[in-house]
């Protein structure tokens, strides 16, 4: 598992601590054994690469677990376009 990313199963989100104590988070719901991501929140730090680091950590964690993601979040879709090496983690089946 990515050491900077934590799966907070109670809040249905992957979290990455930001240096000031706040969190970046990727929110999901579980459907048919897949993680359906619908939102990424990165407070005030959008231009510092925190969101990209969060998403990369999420995909690395899912890959290590052998799990799949369904992407409904535009930020994560943009990340995937720039990083096709993570397409194996994404389930495109309906």
PDB file of N, CA and C in Angstrom:
ATOM      1  N   UNK A   1       0.844  -1.187   0.000  1.00  0.00           N
ATOM      2  CA  UNK A   1       0.000   0.000   0.000  1.00  0.00           C
ATOM      3  C   UNK A   1       0.882   1.241   0.000  1.00  0.00           C
ATOM      4  N   UNK A   2       0.508   2.251  -0.732  1.00  0.00           N
ATOM      5  CA  UNK A   2       1.229   3.517  -0.757  1.00  0.00           C
ATOM      6  C   UNK A   2       1.276   4.072   0.665  1.00  0.00           C
ATOM      7  N   UNK A   3       2.464   4.400   1.141  1.00  0.00           N
ATOM      8  CA  UNK A   3       2.611   4.802   2.544  1.00  0.00           C
ATOM      9  C   UNK A   3       1.979   6.147   2.859  1.00  0.00           C
ATOM     10  N   UNK A   4       1.680   6.930   1.862  1.00  0.00           N
ATOM     11  CA  UNK A   4       1.098   8.249   2.096  1.00  0.00           C
ATOM     12  C   UNK A   4      -0.422   8.259   1.934  1.00  0.00           C
ATOM     13  N   UNK A   5      -0.980   7.162   1.459  1.00  0.00           N
ATOM     14  CA  UNK A   5      -2.410   7.087   1.196  1.00  0.00           C
ATOM     15  C   UNK A   5      -3.034   6.026   2.098  1.00  0.00           C
ATOM     16  N   UNK A   6      -4.146   6.394   2.706  1.00  0.00           N
ATOM     17  CA  UNK A   6      -4.845   5.499   3.640  1.00  0.00           C
ATOM     18  C   UNK A   6      -6.285   5.337   3.176  1.00  0.00           C
ATOM     19  N   UNK A   7      -6.776   4.120   3.189  1.00  0.00           N
ATOM     20  CA  UNK A   7      -8.177   3.846   2.866  1.00  0.00           C
ATOM     21  C   UNK A   7      -8.984   3.964   4.152  1.00  0.00           C
ATOM     22  N   UNK A   8      -9.754   5.021   4.278  1.00  0.00           N
ATOM     23  CA  UNK A   8     -10.624   5.220   5.436  1.00  0.00           C
ATOM     24  C   UNK A   8     -11.974   4.597   5.081  1.00  0.00           C
ATOM     25  N   UNK A   9     -12.124   3.324   5.408  1.00  0.00           N
ATOM     26  CA  UNK A   9     -13.322   2.587   5.004  1.00  0.00           C
ATOM     27  C   UNK A   9     -14.582   3.112   5.677  1.00  0.00           C
ATOM     28  N   UNK A  10     -14.458   3.665   6.880  1.00  0.00           N
ATOM     29  CA  UNK A  10     -15.633   4.215   7.571  1.00  0.00           C
ATOM     30  C   UNK A  10     -16.206   5.424   6.838  1.00  0.00           C
ATOM     31  N   UNK A  11     -15.332   6.232   6.245  1.00  0.00           N
ATOM     32  CA  UNK A  11     -15.775   7.446   5.539  1.00  0.00           C
ATOM     33  C   UNK A  11     -15.808   7.255   4.029  1.00  0.00           C
ATOM     34  N   UNK A  12     -15.520   6.050   3.568  1.00  0.00           N
ATOM     35  CA  UNK A  12     -15.536   5.720   2.133  1.00  0.00           C
ATOM     36  C   UNK A  12     -14.690   6.697   1.328  1.00  0.00           C
ATOM     37  N   UNK A  13     -13.430   6.810   1.755  1.00  0.00           N
ATOM     38  CA  UNK A  13     -12.516   7.682   1.027  1.00  0.00           C
ATOM     39  C   UNK A  13     -11.073   7.246   1.260  1.00  0.00           C
ATOM     40  N   UNK A  14     -10.262   7.476   0.258  1.00  0.00           N
ATOM     41  CA  UNK A  14      -8.822   7.346   0.405  1.00  0.00           C
ATOM     42  C   UNK A  14      -8.319   8.725   0.792  1.00  0.00           C
ATOM     43  N   UNK A  15      -7.373   8.764   1.744  1.00  0.00           N
ATOM     44  CA  UNK A  15      -6.898  10.041   2.272  1.00  0.00           C
ATOM     45  C   UNK A  15      -5.384  10.152   2.128  1.00  0.00           C
ATOM     46  N   UNK A  16      -4.949  11.393   1.936  1.00  0.00           N
ATOM     47  CA  UNK A  16      -3.513  11.703   1.931  1.00  0.00           C
ATOM     48  C   UNK A  16      -3.340  12.928   2.801  1.00  0.00           C
ATOM     49  N   UNK A  17      -2.521  12.801   3.827  1.00  0.00           N
ATOM     50  CA  UNK A  17      -2.257  13.910   4.737  1.00  0.00           C
ATOM     51  C   UNK A  17      -1.481  14.995   4.000  1.00  0.00           C
ATOM     52  N   UNK A  18      -1.872  16.247   4.219  1.00  0.00           N
ATOM     53  CA  UNK A  18      -1.153  17.385   3.662  1.00  0.00           C
ATOM     54  C   UNK A  18      -0.343  18.000   4.795  1.00  0.00           C
ATOM     55  N   UNK A  19       0.769  18.585   4.463  1.00  0.00           N
ATOM     56  CA  UNK A  19       1.722  19.067   5.464  1.00  0.00           C
ATOM     57  C   UNK A  19       1.117  19.966   6.538  1.00  0.00           C
ATOM     58  N   UNK A  20       0.031  20.639   6.283  1.00  0.00           N
ATOM     59  CA  UNK A  20      -0.556  21.539   7.290  1.00  0.00           C
ATOM     60  C   UNK A  20      -1.586  20.842   8.179  1.00  0.00           C
ATOM     61  N   UNK A  21      -1.724  19.540   8.044  1.00  0.00           N
ATOM     62  CA  UNK A  21      -2.664  18.785   8.867  1.00  0.00           C
ATOM     63  C   UNK A  21      -4.005  18.515   8.204  1.00  0.00           C
ATOM     64  N   UNK A  22      -4.282  19.157   7.074  1.00  0.00           N
ATOM     65  CA  UNK A  22      -5.536  18.878   6.375  1.00  0.00           C
ATOM     66  C   UNK A  22      -5.362  17.637   5.499  1.00  0.00           C
ATOM     67  N   UNK A  23      -6.456  17.201   4.880  1.00  0.00           N
ATOM     68  CA  UNK A  23      -6.455  15.982   4.082  1.00  0.00           C
ATOM     69  C   UNK A  23      -6.899  16.243   2.652  1.00  0.00           C
ATOM     70  N   UNK A  24      -6.279  15.540   1.730  1.00  0.00           N
ATOM     71  CA  UNK A  24      -6.805  15.402   0.377  1.00  0.00           C
ATOM     72  C   UNK A  24      -7.549  14.072   0.392  1.00  0.00           C
ATOM     73  N   UNK A  25      -8.678  13.992  -0.306  1.00  0.00           N
ATOM     74  CA  UNK A  25      -9.481  12.773  -0.246  1.00  0.00           C
ATOM     75  C   UNK A  25     -10.090  12.428  -1.600  1.00  0.00           C
ATOM     76  N   UNK A  26     -10.141  11.130  -1.871  1.00  0.00           N
ATOM     77  CA  UNK A  26     -10.822  10.587  -3.053  1.00  0.00           C
ATOM     78  C   UNK A  26     -11.985   9.752  -2.534  1.00  0.00           C
ATOM     79  N   UNK A  27     -13.200  10.198  -2.808  1.00  0.00           N
ATOM     80  CA  UNK A  27     -14.410   9.567  -2.284  1.00  0.00           C
ATOM     81  C   UNK A  27     -14.915   8.469  -3.218  1.00  0.00           C
ATOM     82  N   UNK A  28     -15.392   7.392  -2.614  1.00  0.00           N
ATOM     83  CA  UNK A  28     -15.883   6.254  -3.391  1.00  0.00           C
ATOM     84  C   UNK A  28     -17.104   5.631  -2.737  1.00  0.00           C
ATOM     85  N   UNK A  29     -17.763   4.811  -3.527  1.00  0.00           N
ATOM     86  CA  UNK A  29     -18.776   3.895  -3.015  1.00  0.00           C
ATOM     87  C   UNK A  29     -18.420   2.529  -3.605  1.00  0.00           C
ATOM     88  N   UNK A  30     -18.774   1.491  -2.901  1.00  0.00           N
ATOM     89  CA  UNK A  30     -18.499   0.140  -3.390  1.00  0.00           C
ATOM     90  C   UNK A  30     -19.720  -0.388  -4.130  1.00  0.00           C
ATOM     91  N   UNK A  31     -19.501  -0.872  -5.351  1.00  0.00           N
ATOM     92  CA  UNK A  31     -20.566  -1.457  -6.163  1.00  0.00           C
ATOM     93  C   UNK A  31     -20.026  -2.710  -6.845  1.00  0.00           C
ATOM     94  N   UNK A  32     -20.646  -3.831  -6.574  1.00  0.00           N
ATOM     95  CA  UNK A  32     -20.256  -5.099  -7.204  1.00  0.00           C
ATOM     96  C   UNK A  32     -18.764  -5.376  -7.067  1.00  0.00           C
ATOM     97  N   UNK A  33     -18.207  -5.097  -5.909  1.00  0.00           N
ATOM     98  CA  UNK A  33     -16.808  -5.369  -5.649  1.00  0.00           C
ATOM     99  C   UNK A  33     -15.833  -4.386  -6.261  1.00  0.00           C
ATOM    100  N   UNK A  34     -16.340  -3.294  -6.806  1.00  0.00           N
ATOM    101  CA  UNK A  34     -15.480  -2.274  -7.420  1.00  0.00           C
ATOM    102  C   UNK A  34     -15.600  -0.964  -6.658  1.00  0.00           C
ATOM    103  N   UNK A  35     -14.534  -0.200  -6.674  1.00  0.00           N
ATOM    104  CA  UNK A  35     -14.529   1.131  -6.071  1.00  0.00           C
ATOM    105  C   UNK A  35     -14.970   2.139  -7.130  1.00  0.00           C
ATOM    106  N   UNK A  36     -16.094   2.776  -6.903  1.00  0.00           N
ATOM    107  CA  UNK A  36     -16.602   3.784  -7.834  1.00  0.00           C
ATOM    108  C   UNK A  36     -16.236   5.152  -7.261  1.00  0.00           C
ATOM    109  N   UNK A  37     -15.289   5.820  -7.904  1.00  0.00           N
ATOM    110  CA  UNK A  37     -14.810   7.125  -7.441  1.00  0.00           C
ATOM    111  C   UNK A  37     -15.626   8.230  -8.095  1.00  0.00           C
ATOM    112  N   UNK A  38     -16.150   9.124  -7.255  1.00  0.00           N
ATOM    113  CA  UNK A  38     -17.010  10.185  -7.779  1.00  0.00           C
ATOM    114  C   UNK A  38     -16.535  11.585  -7.419  1.00  0.00           C
ATOM    115  N   UNK A  39     -15.534  11.730  -6.552  1.00  0.00           N
ATOM    116  CA  UNK A  39     -15.071  13.072  -6.197  1.00  0.00           C
ATOM    117  C   UNK A  39     -13.675  13.013  -5.592  1.00  0.00           C
ATOM    118  N   UNK A  40     -12.886  14.039  -5.887  1.00  0.00           N
ATOM    119  CA  UNK A  40     -11.585  14.253  -5.256  1.00  0.00           C
ATOM    120  C   UNK A  40     -11.602  15.658  -4.690  1.00  0.00           C
ATOM    121  N   UNK A  41     -11.208  15.782  -3.429  1.00  0.00           N
ATOM    122  CA  UNK A  41     -11.121  17.091  -2.786  1.00  0.00           C
ATOM    123  C   UNK A  41      -9.685  17.344  -2.351  1.00  0.00           C
ATOM    124  N   UNK A  42      -9.162  18.489  -2.773  1.00  0.00           N
ATOM    125  CA  UNK A  42      -7.814  18.898  -2.389  1.00  0.00           C
ATOM    126  C   UNK A  42      -7.897  20.349  -1.947  1.00  0.00           C
ATOM    127  N   UNK A  43      -7.993  20.594  -0.661  1.00  0.00           N
ATOM    128  CA  UNK A  43      -8.169  21.958  -0.174  1.00  0.00           C
ATOM    129  C   UNK A  43      -6.953  22.843  -0.424  1.00  0.00           C
ATOM    130  N   UNK A  44      -7.165  23.902  -1.166  1.00  0.00           N
ATOM    131  CA  UNK A  44      -6.196  24.988  -1.378  1.00  0.00           C
ATOM    132  C   UNK A  44      -4.884  24.610  -2.035  1.00  0.00           C
ATOM    133  N   UNK A  45      -4.639  23.369  -2.333  1.00  0.00           N
ATOM    134  CA  UNK A  45      -3.322  22.967  -2.803  1.00  0.00           C
ATOM    135  C   UNK A  45      -3.357  22.368  -4.209  1.00  0.00           C
ATOM    136  N   UNK A  46      -4.335  22.743  -5.001  1.00  0.00           N
ATOM    137  CA  UNK A  46      -4.538  22.113  -6.304  1.00  0.00           C
ATOM    138  C   UNK A  46      -3.311  22.208  -7.207  1.00  0.00           C
ATOM    139  N   UNK A  47      -2.582  23.305  -7.156  1.00  0.00           N
ATOM    140  CA  UNK A  47      -1.467  23.486  -8.071  1.00  0.00           C
ATOM    141  C   UNK A  47      -0.153  22.899  -7.550  1.00  0.00           C
ATOM    142  N   UNK A  48      -0.172  22.215  -6.421  1.00  0.00           N
ATOM    143  CA  UNK A  48       1.056  21.673  -5.843  1.00  0.00           C
ATOM    144  C   UNK A  48       1.231  20.173  -6.081  1.00  0.00           C
ATOM    145  N   UNK A  49       0.379  19.559  -6.871  1.00  0.00           N
ATOM    146  CA  UNK A  49       0.518  18.149  -7.193  1.00  0.00           C
ATOM    147  C   UNK A  49      -0.018  17.198  -6.141  1.00  0.00           C
ATOM    148  N   UNK A  50      -0.699  17.724  -5.123  1.00  0.00           N
ATOM    149  CA  UNK A  50      -1.237  16.874  -4.058  1.00  0.00           C
ATOM    150  C   UNK A  50      -2.314  15.944  -4.604  1.00  0.00           C
ATOM    151  N   UNK A  51      -3.197  16.467  -5.447  1.00  0.00           N
ATOM    152  CA  UNK A  51      -4.264  15.649  -6.015  1.00  0.00           C
ATOM    153  C   UNK A  51      -3.717  14.514  -6.860  1.00  0.00           C
ATOM    154  N   UNK A  52      -2.723  14.815  -7.689  1.00  0.00           N
ATOM    155  CA  UNK A  52      -2.112  13.785  -8.525  1.00  0.00           C
ATOM    156  C   UNK A  52      -1.428  12.726  -7.665  1.00  0.00           C
ATOM    157  N   UNK A  53      -0.748  13.145  -6.593  1.00  0.00           N
ATOM    158  CA  UNK A  53      -0.099  12.193  -5.695  1.00  0.00           C
ATOM    159  C   UNK A  53      -1.133  11.310  -5.000  1.00  0.00           C
ATOM    160  N   UNK A  54      -2.263  11.894  -4.627  1.00  0.00           N
ATOM    161  CA  UNK A  54      -3.349  11.128  -4.020  1.00  0.00           C
ATOM    162  C   UNK A  54      -3.858  10.069  -4.987  1.00  0.00           C
ATOM    163  N   UNK A  55      -4.176  10.473  -6.197  1.00  0.00           N
ATOM    164  CA  UNK A  55      -4.741   9.540  -7.181  1.00  0.00           C
ATOM    165  C   UNK A  55      -3.729   8.451  -7.522  1.00  0.00           C
ATOM    166  N   UNK A  56      -2.481   8.814  -7.677  1.00  0.00           N
ATOM    167  CA  UNK A  56      -1.448   7.815  -7.943  1.00  0.00           C
ATOM    168  C   UNK A  56      -1.380   6.809  -6.803  1.00  0.00           C
ATOM    169  N   UNK A  57      -1.439   7.289  -5.565  1.00  0.00           N
ATOM    170  CA  UNK A  57      -1.431   6.393  -4.415  1.00  0.00           C
ATOM    171  C   UNK A  57      -2.647   5.485  -4.375  1.00  0.00           C
ATOM    172  N   UNK A  58      -3.814   6.034  -4.733  1.00  0.00           N
ATOM    173  CA  UNK A  58      -5.040   5.228  -4.781  1.00  0.00           C
ATOM    174  C   UNK A  58      -4.878   4.100  -5.795  1.00  0.00           C
ATOM    175  N   UNK A  59      -4.428   4.446  -7.000  1.00  0.00           N
ATOM    176  CA  UNK A  59      -4.285   3.427  -8.047  1.00  0.00           C
ATOM    177  C   UNK A  59      -3.224   2.393  -7.675  1.00  0.00           C
ATOM    178  N   UNK A  60      -2.122   2.836  -7.078  1.00  0.00           N
ATOM    179  CA  UNK A  60      -1.094   1.883  -6.650  1.00  0.00           C
ATOM    180  C   UNK A  60      -1.641   0.930  -5.592  1.00  0.00           C
ATOM    181  N   UNK A  61      -2.411   1.463  -4.652  1.00  0.00           N
ATOM    182  CA  UNK A  61      -2.996   0.637  -3.597  1.00  0.00           C
ATOM    183  C   UNK A  61      -3.969  -0.390  -4.185  1.00  0.00           C
ATOM    184  N   UNK A  62      -4.842   0.068  -5.079  1.00  0.00           N
ATOM    185  CA  UNK A  62      -5.802  -0.854  -5.696  1.00  0.00           C
ATOM    186  C   UNK A  62      -5.081  -1.932  -6.508  1.00  0.00           C
ATOM    187  N   UNK A  63      -4.036  -1.531  -7.214  1.00  0.00           N
ATOM    188  CA  UNK A  63      -3.267  -2.503  -8.007  1.00  0.00           C
ATOM    189  C   UNK A  63      -2.657  -3.564  -7.090  1.00  0.00           C
ATOM    190  N   UNK A  64      -2.067  -3.134  -5.971  1.00  0.00           N
ATOM    191  CA  UNK A  64      -1.459  -4.075  -5.026  1.00  0.00           C
ATOM    192  C   UNK A  64      -2.492  -5.026  -4.438  1.00  0.00           C
ATOM    193  N   UNK A  65      -3.703  -4.551  -4.238  1.00  0.00           N
ATOM    194  CA  UNK A  65      -4.773  -5.385  -3.673  1.00  0.00           C
ATOM    195  C   UNK A  65      -5.454  -6.246  -4.715  1.00  0.00           C
ATOM    196  N   UNK A  66      -5.209  -5.981  -5.989  1.00  0.00           N
ATOM    197  CA  UNK A  66      -5.878  -6.709  -7.057  1.00  0.00           C
ATOM    198  C   UNK A  66      -7.317  -6.269  -7.244  1.00  0.00           C
ATOM    199  N   UNK A  67      -7.613  -5.014  -6.911  1.00  0.00           N
ATOM    200  CA  UNK A  67      -8.977  -4.485  -7.010  1.00  0.00           C
ATOM    201  C   UNK A  67      -9.096  -3.507  -8.177  1.00  0.00           C
ATOM    202  N   UNK A  68     -10.336  -3.218  -8.553  1.00  0.00           N
ATOM    203  CA  UNK A  68     -10.607  -2.367  -9.707  1.00  0.00           C
ATOM    204  C   UNK A  68     -11.370  -1.112  -9.313  1.00  0.00           C
ATOM    205  N   UNK A  69     -11.199  -0.076 -10.133  1.00  0.00           N
ATOM    206  CA  UNK A  69     -11.878   1.202  -9.931  1.00  0.00           C
ATOM    207  C   UNK A  69     -12.761   1.519 -11.125  1.00  0.00           C
ATOM    208  N   UNK A  70     -13.864   2.176 -10.847  1.00  0.00           N
ATOM    209  CA  UNK A  70     -14.718   2.775 -11.873  1.00  0.00           C
ATOM    210  C   UNK A  70     -14.615   4.268 -11.632  1.00  0.00           C
ATOM    211  N   UNK A  71     -14.301   5.007 -12.678  1.00  0.00           N
ATOM    212  CA  UNK A  71     -14.014   6.433 -12.514  1.00  0.00           C
ATOM    213  C   UNK A  71     -15.185   7.280 -13.010  1.00  0.00           C
ATOM    214  N   UNK A  72     -15.805   8.002 -12.079  1.00  0.00           N
ATOM    215  CA  UNK A  72     -16.889   8.944 -12.388  1.00  0.00           C
ATOM    216  C   UNK A  72     -16.457  10.377 -12.089  1.00  0.00           C
ATOM    217  N   UNK A  73     -15.238  10.555 -11.630  1.00  0.00           N
ATOM    218  CA  UNK A  73     -14.690  11.844 -11.220  1.00  0.00           C
ATOM    219  C   UNK A  73     -13.846  12.430 -12.364  1.00  0.00           C
ATOM    220  N   UNK A  74     -14.103  13.667 -12.738  1.00  0.00           N
ATOM    221  CA  UNK A  74     -13.388  14.284 -13.856  1.00  0.00           C
ATOM    222  C   UNK A  74     -11.897  14.460 -13.565  1.00  0.00           C
ATOM    223  N   UNK A  75     -11.545  14.748 -12.325  1.00  0.00           N
ATOM    224  CA  UNK A  75     -10.126  14.895 -11.991  1.00  0.00           C
ATOM    225  C   UNK A  75      -9.378  13.578 -12.206  1.00  0.00           C
ATOM    226  N   UNK A  76      -9.976  12.482 -11.760  1.00  0.00           N
ATOM    227  CA  UNK A  76      -9.339  11.181 -11.935  1.00  0.00           C
ATOM    228  C   UNK A  76      -9.308  10.769 -13.403  1.00  0.00           C
ATOM    229  N   UNK A  77     -10.328  11.138 -14.167  1.00  0.00           N
ATOM    230  CA  UNK A  77     -10.323  10.851 -15.596  1.00  0.00           C
ATOM    231  C   UNK A  77      -9.188  11.597 -16.291  1.00  0.00           C
ATOM    232  N   UNK A  78      -8.982  12.864 -15.920  1.00  0.00           N
ATOM    233  CA  UNK A  78      -7.876  13.645 -16.489  1.00  0.00           C
ATOM    234  C   UNK A  78      -6.529  13.036 -16.119  1.00  0.00           C
ATOM    235  N   UNK A  79      -6.403  12.587 -14.879  1.00  0.00           N
ATOM    236  CA  UNK A  79      -5.167  11.941 -14.446  1.00  0.00           C
ATOM    237  C   UNK A  79      -4.903  10.706 -15.310  1.00  0.00           C
ATOM    238  N   UNK A  80      -5.920   9.897 -15.551  1.00  0.00           N
ATOM    239  CA  UNK A  80      -5.757   8.687 -16.365  1.00  0.00           C
ATOM    240  C   UNK A  80      -5.333   8.996 -17.788  1.00  0.00           C
ATOM    241  N   UNK A  81      -5.845  10.082 -18.352  1.00  0.00           N
ATOM    242  CA  UNK A  81      -5.445  10.460 -19.704  1.00  0.00           C
ATOM    243  C   UNK A  81      -3.953  10.771 -19.760  1.00  0.00           C
ATOM    244  N   UNK A  82      -3.441  11.377 -18.706  1.00  0.00           N
ATOM    245  CA  UNK A  82      -2.027  11.723 -18.651  1.00  0.00           C
ATOM    246  C   UNK A  82      -1.144  10.556 -18.203  1.00  0.00           C
ATOM    247  N   UNK A  83      -1.750   9.540 -17.594  1.00  0.00           N
ATOM    248  CA  UNK A  83      -1.002   8.406 -17.036  1.00  0.00           C
ATOM    249  C   UNK A  83      -1.643   7.083 -17.446  1.00  0.00           C
ATOM    250  N   UNK A  84      -1.508   6.713 -18.711  1.00  0.00           N
ATOM    251  CA  UNK A  84      -2.154   5.483 -19.188  1.00  0.00           C
ATOM    252  C   UNK A  84      -1.614   4.215 -18.527  1.00  0.00           C
ATOM    253  N   UNK A  85      -0.512   4.299 -17.807  1.00  0.00           N
ATOM    254  CA  UNK A  85       0.030   3.118 -17.132  1.00  0.00           C
ATOM    255  C   UNK A  85      -0.891   2.597 -16.031  1.00  0.00           C
ATOM    256  N   UNK A  86      -1.918   3.371 -15.685  1.00  0.00           N
ATOM    257  CA  UNK A  86      -2.872   2.938 -14.654  1.00  0.00           C
ATOM    258  C   UNK A  86      -4.179   2.384 -15.232  1.00  0.00           C
ATOM    259  N   UNK A  87      -4.263   2.241 -16.532  1.00  0.00           N
ATOM    260  CA  UNK A  87      -5.502   1.739 -17.137  1.00  0.00           C
ATOM    261  C   UNK A  87      -5.846   0.316 -16.691  1.00  0.00           C
ATOM    262  N   UNK A  88      -4.841  -0.458 -16.272  1.00  0.00           N
ATOM    263  CA  UNK A  88      -5.111  -1.823 -15.825  1.00  0.00           C
ATOM    264  C   UNK A  88      -5.912  -1.868 -14.523  1.00  0.00           C
ATOM    265  N   UNK A  89      -5.941  -0.773 -13.784  1.00  0.00           N
ATOM    266  CA  UNK A  89      -6.656  -0.699 -12.512  1.00  0.00           C
ATOM    267  C   UNK A  89      -8.124  -0.326 -12.726  1.00  0.00           C
ATOM    268  N   UNK A  90      -8.425   0.189 -13.907  1.00  0.00           N
ATOM    269  CA  UNK A  90      -9.770   0.711 -14.173  1.00  0.00           C
ATOM    270  C   UNK A  90     -10.628  -0.335 -14.868  1.00  0.00           C
ATOM    271  N   UNK A  91     -11.841  -0.498 -14.343  1.00  0.00           N
ATOM    272  CA  UNK A  91     -12.818  -1.407 -14.925  1.00  0.00           C
ATOM    273  C   UNK A  91     -13.781  -0.571 -15.766  1.00  0.00           C
ATOM    274  N   UNK A  92     -13.812  -0.841 -17.048  1.00  0.00           N
ATOM    275  CA  UNK A  92     -14.683  -0.077 -17.946  1.00  0.00           C
ATOM    276  C   UNK A  92     -16.000  -0.777 -18.224  1.00  0.00           C
ATOM    277  N   UNK A  93     -16.197  -1.962 -17.631  1.00  0.00           N
ATOM    278  CA  UNK A  93     -17.463  -2.679 -17.829  1.00  0.00           C
ATOM    279  C   UNK A  93     -18.583  -1.941 -17.118  1.00  0.00           C
ATOM    280  N   UNK A  94     -19.788  -1.950 -17.721  1.00  0.00           N
ATOM    281  CA  UNK A  94     -20.912  -1.250 -17.084  1.00  0.00           C
ATOM    282  C   UNK A  94     -21.354  -1.890 -15.779  1.00  0.00           C
TER     283      UNK A  94
END
